[in-house]
Amino acid sequence: METRKLFDGAFECQLPKDIVDASNLRQIPDNQEVFVHPLTDQSVTIDILEAVSSPNPESAARTHFQEIASSNEASESIIDSVDVLPPPYPDENASAVVRLTGKQKVAKFNQTREDMIFIHLALYRYESDKADVLVVINDPLKQTVNNSRNAESTSWGTSTINSVLFSLRLKNRGIFGSN
């Protein structure tokens, strides 16, 4: 694992050393950072979003999960667990941090076959900035590997996933602009 600067240094996050920056492969929106596993279909996406209007952080995480399902055109979407973390939060600037795990059945890259994807999501709420930042790990149930190595031995495990989800740190509030 290594600390990576995100959004021109406005955030930092622990990411696996061998992770590939997807902006070197395709165009990525300015409010997103996307990284992919070099051998499997796992990926990490960090999104800076306008805060969703919701009565509490748990329902905000659920809303974001459903928006991801809609964006992915998921035929099935299941939330397995939602946990609001108690303070102190991993990022002291956050007003709330929520972990959500779920599954979505999606077709990848215009394929007709759908695969079940585990979604590991951490929502960091920055209420004073009216922003929600999502750290999302897509973890396909059935790993495919781009070479002869075994997917089980190369895919990110629970420890790596937790390190990525809970290592986000805000370094420059200017990223949110003026509200």
N, C-alpha and C. Protein backbone atom coordinates (compact mmCIF):
# COMPACT_ATOMS: atom_id res chain seq x y z
N MET A 1 0.85 -1.19 0.00
CA MET A 1 0.00 0.00 0.00
C MET A 1 0.89 1.24 0.00
N GLU A 2 0.38 2.30 -0.63
CA GLU A 2 1.10 3.56 -0.62
C GLU A 2 0.09 4.71 -0.62
N THR A 3 0.51 5.84 -0.06
CA THR A 3 -0.34 7.02 -0.04
C THR A 3 -0.29 7.68 -1.41
N ARG A 4 -1.47 7.91 -2.00
CA ARG A 4 -1.57 8.57 -3.30
C ARG A 4 -2.27 9.90 -3.12
N LYS A 5 -1.76 10.91 -3.79
CA LYS A 5 -2.44 12.21 -3.84
C LYS A 5 -3.53 12.13 -4.90
N LEU A 6 -4.71 12.63 -4.55
CA LEU A 6 -5.86 12.62 -5.45
C LEU A 6 -6.32 14.04 -5.69
N PHE A 7 -6.90 14.29 -6.85
CA PHE A 7 -7.44 15.60 -7.17
C PHE A 7 -6.40 16.69 -6.93
N ASP A 8 -5.24 16.52 -7.56
CA ASP A 8 -4.12 17.48 -7.45
C ASP A 8 -3.71 17.74 -6.01
N GLY A 9 -3.78 16.73 -5.17
CA GLY A 9 -3.33 16.84 -3.79
C GLY A 9 -4.39 17.28 -2.80
N ALA A 10 -5.63 17.50 -3.25
CA ALA A 10 -6.70 17.92 -2.33
C ALA A 10 -7.09 16.81 -1.36
N PHE A 11 -6.88 15.56 -1.77
CA PHE A 11 -7.13 14.39 -0.92
C PHE A 11 -5.94 13.46 -1.00
N GLU A 12 -5.82 12.61 0.01
CA GLU A 12 -4.87 11.50 -0.02
C GLU A 12 -5.62 10.24 0.36
N CYS A 13 -5.12 9.11 -0.16
CA CYS A 13 -5.75 7.82 0.13
C CYS A 13 -4.71 6.72 -0.03
N GLN A 14 -4.81 5.70 0.79
CA GLN A 14 -3.95 4.52 0.66
C GLN A 14 -4.49 3.65 -0.47
N LEU A 15 -3.61 3.33 -1.42
CA LEU A 15 -3.98 2.47 -2.54
C LEU A 15 -2.91 1.41 -2.74
N PRO A 16 -3.27 0.26 -3.29
CA PRO A 16 -2.26 -0.76 -3.57
C PRO A 16 -1.18 -0.21 -4.50
N LYS A 17 0.06 -0.60 -4.27
CA LYS A 17 1.18 -0.08 -5.06
C LYS A 17 1.06 -0.35 -6.55
N ASP A 18 0.51 -1.50 -6.91
CA ASP A 18 0.47 -1.88 -8.33
C ASP A 18 -0.80 -1.43 -9.05
N ILE A 19 -1.61 -0.60 -8.42
CA ILE A 19 -2.86 -0.15 -9.01
C ILE A 19 -2.57 0.74 -10.23
N VAL A 20 -3.47 0.69 -11.22
CA VAL A 20 -3.30 1.42 -12.47
C VAL A 20 -4.27 2.59 -12.50
N ASP A 21 -3.76 3.79 -12.78
CA ASP A 21 -4.60 4.98 -12.90
C ASP A 21 -5.36 4.89 -14.23
N ALA A 22 -6.68 4.79 -14.16
CA ALA A 22 -7.50 4.62 -15.37
C ALA A 22 -7.47 5.85 -16.27
N SER A 23 -7.07 7.02 -15.76
CA SER A 23 -6.99 8.20 -16.62
C SER A 23 -5.90 8.05 -17.67
N ASN A 24 -4.99 7.10 -17.47
CA ASN A 24 -3.99 6.79 -18.50
C ASN A 24 -4.56 5.89 -19.59
N LEU A 25 -5.76 5.35 -19.36
CA LEU A 25 -6.39 4.42 -20.30
C LEU A 25 -7.60 5.01 -21.00
N ARG A 26 -8.31 5.91 -20.31
CA ARG A 26 -9.53 6.50 -20.87
C ARG A 26 -9.81 7.83 -20.18
N GLN A 27 -10.72 8.60 -20.74
CA GLN A 27 -11.08 9.89 -20.16
C GLN A 27 -11.93 9.68 -18.91
N ILE A 28 -11.58 10.41 -17.85
CA ILE A 28 -12.27 10.33 -16.56
C ILE A 28 -12.79 11.73 -16.23
N PRO A 29 -14.03 11.86 -15.74
CA PRO A 29 -14.55 13.18 -15.35
C PRO A 29 -13.67 13.83 -14.27
N ASP A 30 -13.68 15.17 -14.23
CA ASP A 30 -12.84 15.92 -13.29
C ASP A 30 -13.18 15.64 -11.83
N ASN A 31 -14.42 15.24 -11.54
CA ASN A 31 -14.83 14.99 -10.15
C ASN A 31 -14.58 13.55 -9.73
N GLN A 32 -13.82 12.80 -10.54
CA GLN A 32 -13.58 11.38 -10.27
C GLN A 32 -12.11 11.03 -10.40
N GLU A 33 -11.70 10.07 -9.59
CA GLU A 33 -10.41 9.39 -9.75
C GLU A 33 -10.77 7.92 -9.86
N VAL A 34 -10.21 7.24 -10.85
CA VAL A 34 -10.53 5.82 -11.06
C VAL A 34 -9.23 5.04 -11.19
N PHE A 35 -9.16 3.94 -10.47
CA PHE A 35 -7.98 3.07 -10.50
C PHE A 35 -8.46 1.64 -10.71
N VAL A 36 -7.64 0.86 -11.41
CA VAL A 36 -8.02 -0.52 -11.70
C VAL A 36 -6.91 -1.47 -11.26
N HIS A 37 -7.33 -2.66 -10.86
CA HIS A 37 -6.40 -3.73 -10.51
C HIS A 37 -5.67 -4.12 -11.80
N PRO A 38 -4.37 -4.35 -11.75
CA PRO A 38 -3.64 -4.66 -12.98
C PRO A 38 -3.98 -6.01 -13.60
N LEU A 39 -4.57 -6.92 -12.83
CA LEU A 39 -4.82 -8.27 -13.35
C LEU A 39 -6.27 -8.72 -13.28
N THR A 40 -7.06 -8.15 -12.39
CA THR A 40 -8.46 -8.59 -12.23
C THR A 40 -9.39 -7.46 -12.64
N ASP A 41 -10.68 -7.66 -12.48
CA ASP A 41 -11.67 -6.64 -12.81
C ASP A 41 -12.03 -5.75 -11.62
N GLN A 42 -11.28 -5.82 -10.53
CA GLN A 42 -11.54 -4.95 -9.38
C GLN A 42 -11.15 -3.51 -9.74
N SER A 43 -11.86 -2.56 -9.13
CA SER A 43 -11.53 -1.15 -9.36
C SER A 43 -11.88 -0.32 -8.13
N VAL A 44 -11.26 0.86 -8.07
CA VAL A 44 -11.52 1.84 -7.01
C VAL A 44 -11.91 3.14 -7.70
N THR A 45 -13.02 3.73 -7.27
CA THR A 45 -13.46 5.02 -7.79
C THR A 45 -13.66 5.95 -6.60
N ILE A 46 -13.12 7.16 -6.72
CA ILE A 46 -13.35 8.20 -5.71
C ILE A 46 -14.10 9.31 -6.42
N ASP A 47 -15.29 9.65 -5.91
CA ASP A 47 -16.16 10.66 -6.51
C ASP A 47 -16.37 11.81 -5.55
N ILE A 48 -16.23 13.04 -6.04
CA ILE A 48 -16.64 14.22 -5.28
C ILE A 48 -17.99 14.64 -5.84
N LEU A 49 -19.01 14.63 -4.98
CA LEU A 49 -20.37 14.90 -5.41
C LEU A 49 -21.03 15.95 -4.53
N GLU A 50 -22.04 16.60 -5.09
CA GLU A 50 -22.87 17.48 -4.27
C GLU A 50 -23.60 16.60 -3.26
N ALA A 51 -23.67 17.06 -2.04
CA ALA A 51 -24.34 16.28 -0.99
C ALA A 51 -25.79 16.01 -1.38
N VAL A 52 -26.21 14.77 -1.22
CA VAL A 52 -27.61 14.45 -1.48
C VAL A 52 -28.43 14.90 -0.28
N SER A 53 -29.64 15.35 -0.57
CA SER A 53 -30.55 15.75 0.49
C SER A 53 -31.12 14.49 1.12
N SER A 54 -30.81 14.31 2.39
CA SER A 54 -31.32 13.12 3.08
C SER A 54 -31.39 13.42 4.57
N PRO A 55 -32.27 12.70 5.27
CA PRO A 55 -32.44 12.97 6.70
C PRO A 55 -31.25 12.54 7.55
N ASN A 56 -30.43 11.61 7.04
CA ASN A 56 -29.30 11.13 7.83
C ASN A 56 -28.24 10.51 6.92
N PRO A 57 -27.03 10.32 7.42
CA PRO A 57 -25.94 9.77 6.60
C PRO A 57 -26.24 8.37 6.05
N GLU A 58 -26.94 7.55 6.82
CA GLU A 58 -27.26 6.20 6.35
C GLU A 58 -28.12 6.24 5.09
N SER A 59 -29.15 7.07 5.10
CA SER A 59 -30.01 7.15 3.92
C SER A 59 -29.27 7.80 2.75
N ALA A 60 -28.32 8.70 3.03
CA ALA A 60 -27.49 9.28 1.96
C ALA A 60 -26.67 8.20 1.29
N ALA A 61 -26.08 7.30 2.07
CA ALA A 61 -25.29 6.19 1.50
C ALA A 61 -26.19 5.30 0.64
N ARG A 62 -27.40 5.03 1.12
CA ARG A 62 -28.34 4.22 0.34
C ARG A 62 -28.68 4.90 -0.98
N THR A 63 -28.90 6.21 -0.93
CA THR A 63 -29.21 6.97 -2.15
C THR A 63 -28.06 6.88 -3.15
N HIS A 64 -26.84 7.06 -2.66
CA HIS A 64 -25.68 6.97 -3.57
C HIS A 64 -25.56 5.57 -4.16
N PHE A 65 -25.80 4.54 -3.37
CA PHE A 65 -25.73 3.16 -3.87
C PHE A 65 -26.76 2.95 -4.99
N GLN A 66 -27.97 3.47 -4.78
CA GLN A 66 -29.01 3.32 -5.81
C GLN A 66 -28.66 4.11 -7.06
N GLU A 67 -28.02 5.27 -6.90
CA GLU A 67 -27.59 6.05 -8.07
C GLU A 67 -26.51 5.30 -8.85
N ILE A 68 -25.61 4.62 -8.14
CA ILE A 68 -24.59 3.80 -8.80
C ILE A 68 -25.27 2.67 -9.56
N ALA A 69 -26.25 2.02 -8.94
CA ALA A 69 -26.99 0.93 -9.60
C ALA A 69 -27.66 1.44 -10.88
N SER A 70 -28.26 2.61 -10.80
CA SER A 70 -28.92 3.19 -11.97
C SER A 70 -27.90 3.51 -13.06
N SER A 71 -26.79 4.11 -12.68
CA SER A 71 -25.72 4.44 -13.63
C SER A 71 -25.14 3.18 -14.28
N ASN A 72 -25.03 2.11 -13.51
CA ASN A 72 -24.51 0.83 -14.02
C ASN A 72 -25.56 0.04 -14.79
N GLU A 73 -26.81 0.55 -14.82
CA GLU A 73 -27.93 -0.16 -15.42
C GLU A 73 -28.05 -1.57 -14.84
N ALA A 74 -27.93 -1.64 -13.52
CA ALA A 74 -27.99 -2.93 -12.82
C ALA A 74 -29.39 -3.52 -12.91
N SER A 75 -29.47 -4.81 -13.22
CA SER A 75 -30.77 -5.48 -13.26
C SER A 75 -31.19 -5.92 -11.86
N GLU A 76 -30.23 -5.96 -10.95
CA GLU A 76 -30.49 -6.35 -9.57
C GLU A 76 -29.57 -5.52 -8.68
N SER A 77 -30.10 -5.09 -7.54
CA SER A 77 -29.32 -4.27 -6.61
C SER A 77 -29.76 -4.60 -5.19
N ILE A 78 -28.80 -5.05 -4.37
CA ILE A 78 -29.11 -5.49 -3.01
C ILE A 78 -28.14 -4.83 -2.04
N ILE A 79 -28.67 -4.19 -1.00
CA ILE A 79 -27.82 -3.65 0.06
C ILE A 79 -27.72 -4.71 1.15
N ASP A 80 -26.49 -5.10 1.46
CA ASP A 80 -26.26 -6.12 2.50
C ASP A 80 -26.14 -5.50 3.89
N SER A 81 -25.42 -4.39 4.00
CA SER A 81 -25.25 -3.75 5.31
C SER A 81 -24.92 -2.27 5.15
N VAL A 82 -25.34 -1.50 6.14
CA VAL A 82 -25.03 -0.08 6.22
C VAL A 82 -24.64 0.21 7.66
N ASP A 83 -23.44 0.75 7.84
CA ASP A 83 -22.95 1.06 9.18
C ASP A 83 -22.44 2.49 9.24
N VAL A 84 -23.01 3.28 10.14
CA VAL A 84 -22.51 4.63 10.38
C VAL A 84 -21.38 4.50 11.39
N LEU A 85 -20.19 4.94 11.00
CA LEU A 85 -19.04 4.83 11.89
C LEU A 85 -19.16 5.83 13.04
N PRO A 86 -18.76 5.45 14.24
CA PRO A 86 -18.75 6.39 15.35
C PRO A 86 -17.51 7.28 15.26
N PRO A 87 -17.59 8.51 15.79
CA PRO A 87 -16.38 9.34 15.85
C PRO A 87 -15.35 8.69 16.75
N PRO A 88 -14.08 8.96 16.62
CA PRO A 88 -13.50 9.85 15.61
C PRO A 88 -13.50 9.20 14.24
N TYR A 89 -13.75 10.02 13.20
CA TYR A 89 -13.81 9.52 11.84
C TYR A 89 -12.41 9.38 11.26
N PRO A 90 -12.27 8.51 10.24
CA PRO A 90 -10.96 8.36 9.60
C PRO A 90 -10.41 9.70 9.10
N ASP A 91 -11.29 10.57 8.59
CA ASP A 91 -10.90 11.92 8.20
C ASP A 91 -11.55 12.89 9.18
N GLU A 92 -10.74 13.58 9.96
CA GLU A 92 -11.28 14.48 10.99
C GLU A 92 -12.10 15.62 10.42
N ASN A 93 -11.97 15.91 9.12
CA ASN A 93 -12.75 16.97 8.48
C ASN A 93 -14.17 16.52 8.12
N ALA A 94 -14.40 15.23 8.09
CA ALA A 94 -15.72 14.71 7.71
C ALA A 94 -16.71 14.89 8.86
N SER A 95 -17.96 15.16 8.50
CA SER A 95 -19.01 15.28 9.51
C SER A 95 -19.67 13.93 9.78
N ALA A 96 -19.47 12.97 8.87
CA ALA A 96 -19.97 11.60 9.06
C ALA A 96 -19.26 10.69 8.06
N VAL A 97 -19.12 9.43 8.44
CA VAL A 97 -18.56 8.41 7.55
C VAL A 97 -19.46 7.17 7.66
N VAL A 98 -19.85 6.65 6.51
CA VAL A 98 -20.75 5.49 6.46
C VAL A 98 -20.13 4.43 5.56
N ARG A 99 -20.22 3.18 6.00
CA ARG A 99 -19.80 2.05 5.16
C ARG A 99 -21.05 1.31 4.71
N LEU A 100 -21.12 1.05 3.42
CA LEU A 100 -22.22 0.29 2.85
C LEU A 100 -21.62 -0.84 2.01
N THR A 101 -22.16 -2.03 2.15
CA THR A 101 -21.79 -3.13 1.27
C THR A 101 -23.05 -3.65 0.60
N GLY A 102 -22.89 -4.02 -0.64
CA GLY A 102 -24.02 -4.53 -1.39
C GLY A 102 -23.57 -5.25 -2.63
N LYS A 103 -24.55 -5.63 -3.44
CA LYS A 103 -24.28 -6.34 -4.68
C LYS A 103 -25.12 -5.73 -5.79
N GLN A 104 -24.57 -5.75 -6.99
CA GLN A 104 -25.31 -5.32 -8.17
C GLN A 104 -25.02 -6.29 -9.31
N LYS A 105 -26.06 -6.61 -10.06
CA LYS A 105 -25.89 -7.48 -11.23
C LYS A 105 -25.83 -6.58 -12.46
N VAL A 106 -24.67 -6.57 -13.11
CA VAL A 106 -24.45 -5.65 -14.23
C VAL A 106 -23.75 -6.35 -15.39
N ALA A 107 -24.00 -5.82 -16.58
CA ALA A 107 -23.27 -6.24 -17.78
C ALA A 107 -22.13 -5.25 -17.97
N LYS A 108 -20.95 -5.76 -18.26
CA LYS A 108 -19.76 -4.92 -18.38
C LYS A 108 -19.45 -4.62 -19.84
N PHE A 109 -19.16 -3.36 -20.12
CA PHE A 109 -18.69 -2.94 -21.44
C PHE A 109 -19.54 -3.48 -22.58
N ASN A 110 -20.83 -3.21 -22.53
CA ASN A 110 -21.77 -3.59 -23.60
C ASN A 110 -21.87 -5.09 -23.85
N GLN A 111 -21.51 -5.90 -22.87
CA GLN A 111 -21.70 -7.35 -23.00
C GLN A 111 -23.13 -7.68 -22.61
N THR A 112 -23.62 -8.81 -23.09
CA THR A 112 -24.98 -9.22 -22.73
C THR A 112 -25.01 -10.00 -21.43
N ARG A 113 -23.92 -10.72 -21.12
CA ARG A 113 -23.86 -11.51 -19.88
C ARG A 113 -23.69 -10.57 -18.69
N GLU A 114 -24.50 -10.80 -17.67
CA GLU A 114 -24.41 -10.00 -16.45
C GLU A 114 -23.60 -10.73 -15.39
N ASP A 115 -22.84 -9.97 -14.63
CA ASP A 115 -22.05 -10.52 -13.53
C ASP A 115 -22.47 -9.86 -12.23
N MET A 116 -22.35 -10.59 -11.14
CA MET A 116 -22.63 -10.04 -9.81
C MET A 116 -21.37 -9.34 -9.32
N ILE A 117 -21.52 -8.09 -8.93
CA ILE A 117 -20.41 -7.27 -8.45
C ILE A 117 -20.68 -6.92 -6.99
N PHE A 118 -19.71 -7.20 -6.12
CA PHE A 118 -19.80 -6.71 -4.75
C PHE A 118 -19.38 -5.24 -4.76
N ILE A 119 -20.14 -4.41 -4.09
CA ILE A 119 -19.84 -2.99 -3.99
C ILE A 119 -19.49 -2.69 -2.53
N HIS A 120 -18.30 -2.17 -2.31
CA HIS A 120 -17.86 -1.71 -0.99
C HIS A 120 -17.78 -0.19 -1.09
N LEU A 121 -18.59 0.51 -0.31
CA LEU A 121 -18.70 1.95 -0.43
C LEU A 121 -18.44 2.61 0.92
N ALA A 122 -17.63 3.66 0.90
CA ALA A 122 -17.48 4.51 2.08
C ALA A 122 -17.92 5.91 1.67
N LEU A 123 -18.89 6.43 2.39
CA LEU A 123 -19.38 7.79 2.17
C LEU A 123 -18.75 8.69 3.22
N TYR A 124 -18.06 9.73 2.76
CA TYR A 124 -17.52 10.77 3.64
C TYR A 124 -18.37 12.01 3.39
N ARG A 125 -19.08 12.45 4.43
CA ARG A 125 -19.92 13.66 4.31
C ARG A 125 -19.15 14.86 4.83
N TYR A 126 -19.17 15.93 4.06
CA TYR A 126 -18.57 17.20 4.45
C TYR A 126 -19.70 18.23 4.43
N GLU A 127 -20.48 18.24 5.52
CA GLU A 127 -21.70 19.06 5.57
C GLU A 127 -21.43 20.54 5.35
N SER A 128 -20.38 21.07 5.96
CA SER A 128 -20.11 22.50 5.81
C SER A 128 -19.74 22.87 4.38
N ASP A 129 -19.32 21.90 3.60
CA ASP A 129 -18.97 22.13 2.20
C ASP A 129 -20.06 21.64 1.25
N LYS A 130 -21.16 21.12 1.81
CA LYS A 130 -22.27 20.58 1.02
C LYS A 130 -21.77 19.55 0.01
N ALA A 131 -20.87 18.68 0.47
CA ALA A 131 -20.27 17.68 -0.43
C ALA A 131 -20.31 16.29 0.19
N ASP A 132 -20.45 15.32 -0.68
CA ASP A 132 -20.31 13.91 -0.34
C ASP A 132 -19.16 13.37 -1.18
N VAL A 133 -18.26 12.66 -0.55
CA VAL A 133 -17.17 12.01 -1.28
C VAL A 133 -17.32 10.51 -1.08
N LEU A 134 -17.35 9.80 -2.19
CA LEU A 134 -17.51 8.35 -2.17
C LEU A 134 -16.20 7.67 -2.52
N VAL A 135 -15.86 6.66 -1.76
CA VAL A 135 -14.79 5.74 -2.12
C VAL A 135 -15.51 4.42 -2.39
N VAL A 136 -15.44 3.96 -3.64
CA VAL A 136 -16.20 2.78 -4.05
C VAL A 136 -15.25 1.74 -4.64
N ILE A 137 -15.34 0.53 -4.13
CA ILE A 137 -14.56 -0.58 -4.68
C ILE A 137 -15.54 -1.55 -5.32
N ASN A 138 -15.33 -1.79 -6.60
CA ASN A 138 -16.08 -2.80 -7.34
C ASN A 138 -15.29 -4.10 -7.27
N ASP A 139 -15.93 -5.14 -6.79
CA ASP A 139 -15.26 -6.41 -6.53
C ASP A 139 -16.09 -7.54 -7.14
N PRO A 140 -15.84 -7.87 -8.43
CA PRO A 140 -16.65 -8.91 -9.08
C PRO A 140 -16.62 -10.23 -8.34
N LEU A 141 -17.78 -10.86 -8.24
CA LEU A 141 -17.89 -12.15 -7.57
C LEU A 141 -17.01 -13.18 -8.26
N LYS A 142 -17.05 -13.20 -9.58
CA LYS A 142 -16.23 -14.13 -10.35
C LYS A 142 -15.09 -13.35 -10.97
N GLN A 143 -13.90 -13.52 -10.42
CA GLN A 143 -12.73 -12.81 -10.92
C GLN A 143 -12.23 -13.44 -12.21
N THR A 144 -11.94 -12.58 -13.18
CA THR A 144 -11.23 -13.03 -14.37
C THR A 144 -9.87 -12.39 -14.35
N VAL A 145 -8.89 -13.15 -14.73
CA VAL A 145 -7.51 -12.66 -14.68
C VAL A 145 -6.99 -12.56 -16.10
N ASN A 146 -6.25 -11.48 -16.37
CA ASN A 146 -5.76 -11.22 -17.71
C ASN A 146 -4.53 -12.04 -18.08
N ASN A 147 -4.07 -12.89 -17.21
CA ASN A 147 -2.96 -13.79 -17.55
C ASN A 147 -3.16 -15.10 -16.81
N SER A 148 -2.13 -15.91 -16.71
CA SER A 148 -2.30 -17.26 -16.18
C SER A 148 -2.35 -17.35 -14.65
N ARG A 149 -2.10 -16.26 -13.94
CA ARG A 149 -2.13 -16.32 -12.48
C ARG A 149 -3.55 -16.56 -11.96
N ASN A 150 -3.65 -17.10 -10.80
CA ASN A 150 -4.93 -17.38 -10.16
C ASN A 150 -5.54 -16.10 -9.61
N ALA A 151 -6.81 -15.83 -9.94
CA ALA A 151 -7.48 -14.61 -9.48
C ALA A 151 -7.54 -14.52 -7.97
N GLU A 152 -7.75 -15.65 -7.30
CA GLU A 152 -7.85 -15.64 -5.83
C GLU A 152 -6.58 -15.11 -5.18
N SER A 153 -5.44 -15.43 -5.74
CA SER A 153 -4.18 -15.02 -5.12
C SER A 153 -3.79 -13.59 -5.48
N THR A 154 -4.41 -13.01 -6.51
CA THR A 154 -4.03 -11.66 -6.93
C THR A 154 -5.05 -10.60 -6.55
N SER A 155 -6.30 -10.99 -6.30
CA SER A 155 -7.33 -9.99 -6.01
C SER A 155 -7.14 -9.40 -4.61
N TRP A 156 -7.68 -8.19 -4.43
CA TRP A 156 -7.57 -7.51 -3.15
C TRP A 156 -8.45 -8.21 -2.13
N GLY A 157 -7.90 -8.44 -0.94
CA GLY A 157 -8.65 -9.06 0.14
C GLY A 157 -9.29 -8.02 1.04
N THR A 158 -9.91 -8.50 2.10
CA THR A 158 -10.63 -7.64 3.05
C THR A 158 -9.73 -6.57 3.65
N SER A 159 -8.52 -6.91 4.02
CA SER A 159 -7.61 -5.95 4.64
C SER A 159 -7.29 -4.79 3.69
N THR A 160 -7.00 -5.11 2.44
CA THR A 160 -6.71 -4.08 1.44
C THR A 160 -7.94 -3.22 1.20
N ILE A 161 -9.09 -3.85 1.05
CA ILE A 161 -10.33 -3.11 0.81
C ILE A 161 -10.61 -2.15 1.96
N ASN A 162 -10.49 -2.60 3.19
CA ASN A 162 -10.71 -1.73 4.35
C ASN A 162 -9.70 -0.60 4.41
N SER A 163 -8.45 -0.87 4.09
CA SER A 163 -7.42 0.18 4.09
C SER A 163 -7.76 1.27 3.09
N VAL A 164 -8.21 0.87 1.90
CA VAL A 164 -8.58 1.86 0.88
C VAL A 164 -9.80 2.66 1.34
N LEU A 165 -10.84 1.97 1.80
CA LEU A 165 -12.09 2.64 2.18
C LEU A 165 -11.89 3.67 3.29
N PHE A 166 -11.04 3.35 4.26
CA PHE A 166 -10.96 4.20 5.45
C PHE A 166 -9.67 4.98 5.59
N SER A 167 -9.02 5.27 4.46
CA SER A 167 -7.78 6.05 4.52
C SER A 167 -7.90 7.40 3.83
N LEU A 168 -9.08 7.76 3.33
CA LEU A 168 -9.25 9.04 2.65
C LEU A 168 -9.03 10.18 3.63
N ARG A 169 -8.25 11.17 3.22
CA ARG A 169 -7.98 12.35 4.05
C ARG A 169 -8.07 13.61 3.19
N LEU A 170 -8.87 14.57 3.64
CA LEU A 170 -8.96 15.87 2.99
C LEU A 170 -7.73 16.69 3.34
N LYS A 171 -7.06 17.24 2.34
CA LYS A 171 -5.86 18.05 2.56
C LYS A 171 -6.07 19.51 2.17
N ASN A 172 -7.06 19.77 1.29
CA ASN A 172 -7.29 21.14 0.83
C ASN A 172 -8.78 21.33 0.57
N ARG A 173 -9.44 22.07 1.47
CA ARG A 173 -10.89 22.34 1.34
C ARG A 173 -11.23 23.11 0.08
N GLY A 174 -10.26 23.77 -0.53
CA GLY A 174 -10.50 24.52 -1.75
C GLY A 174 -11.06 23.67 -2.88
N ILE A 175 -10.88 22.36 -2.80
CA ILE A 175 -11.41 21.45 -3.82
C ILE A 175 -12.92 21.58 -3.96
N PHE A 176 -13.60 21.97 -2.88
CA PHE A 176 -15.05 22.07 -2.90
C PHE A 176 -15.54 23.40 -3.48
N GLY A 177 -14.64 24.35 -3.72
CA GLY A 177 -15.05 25.66 -4.22
C GLY A 177 -15.73 26.45 -3.12
N SER A 178 -16.29 27.57 -3.48
CA SER A 178 -16.99 28.39 -2.47
C SER A 178 -18.47 28.06 -2.51
N ASN A 179 -19.05 27.91 -1.34
CA ASN A 179 -20.48 27.58 -1.23
C ASN A 179 -21.26 28.76 -0.73
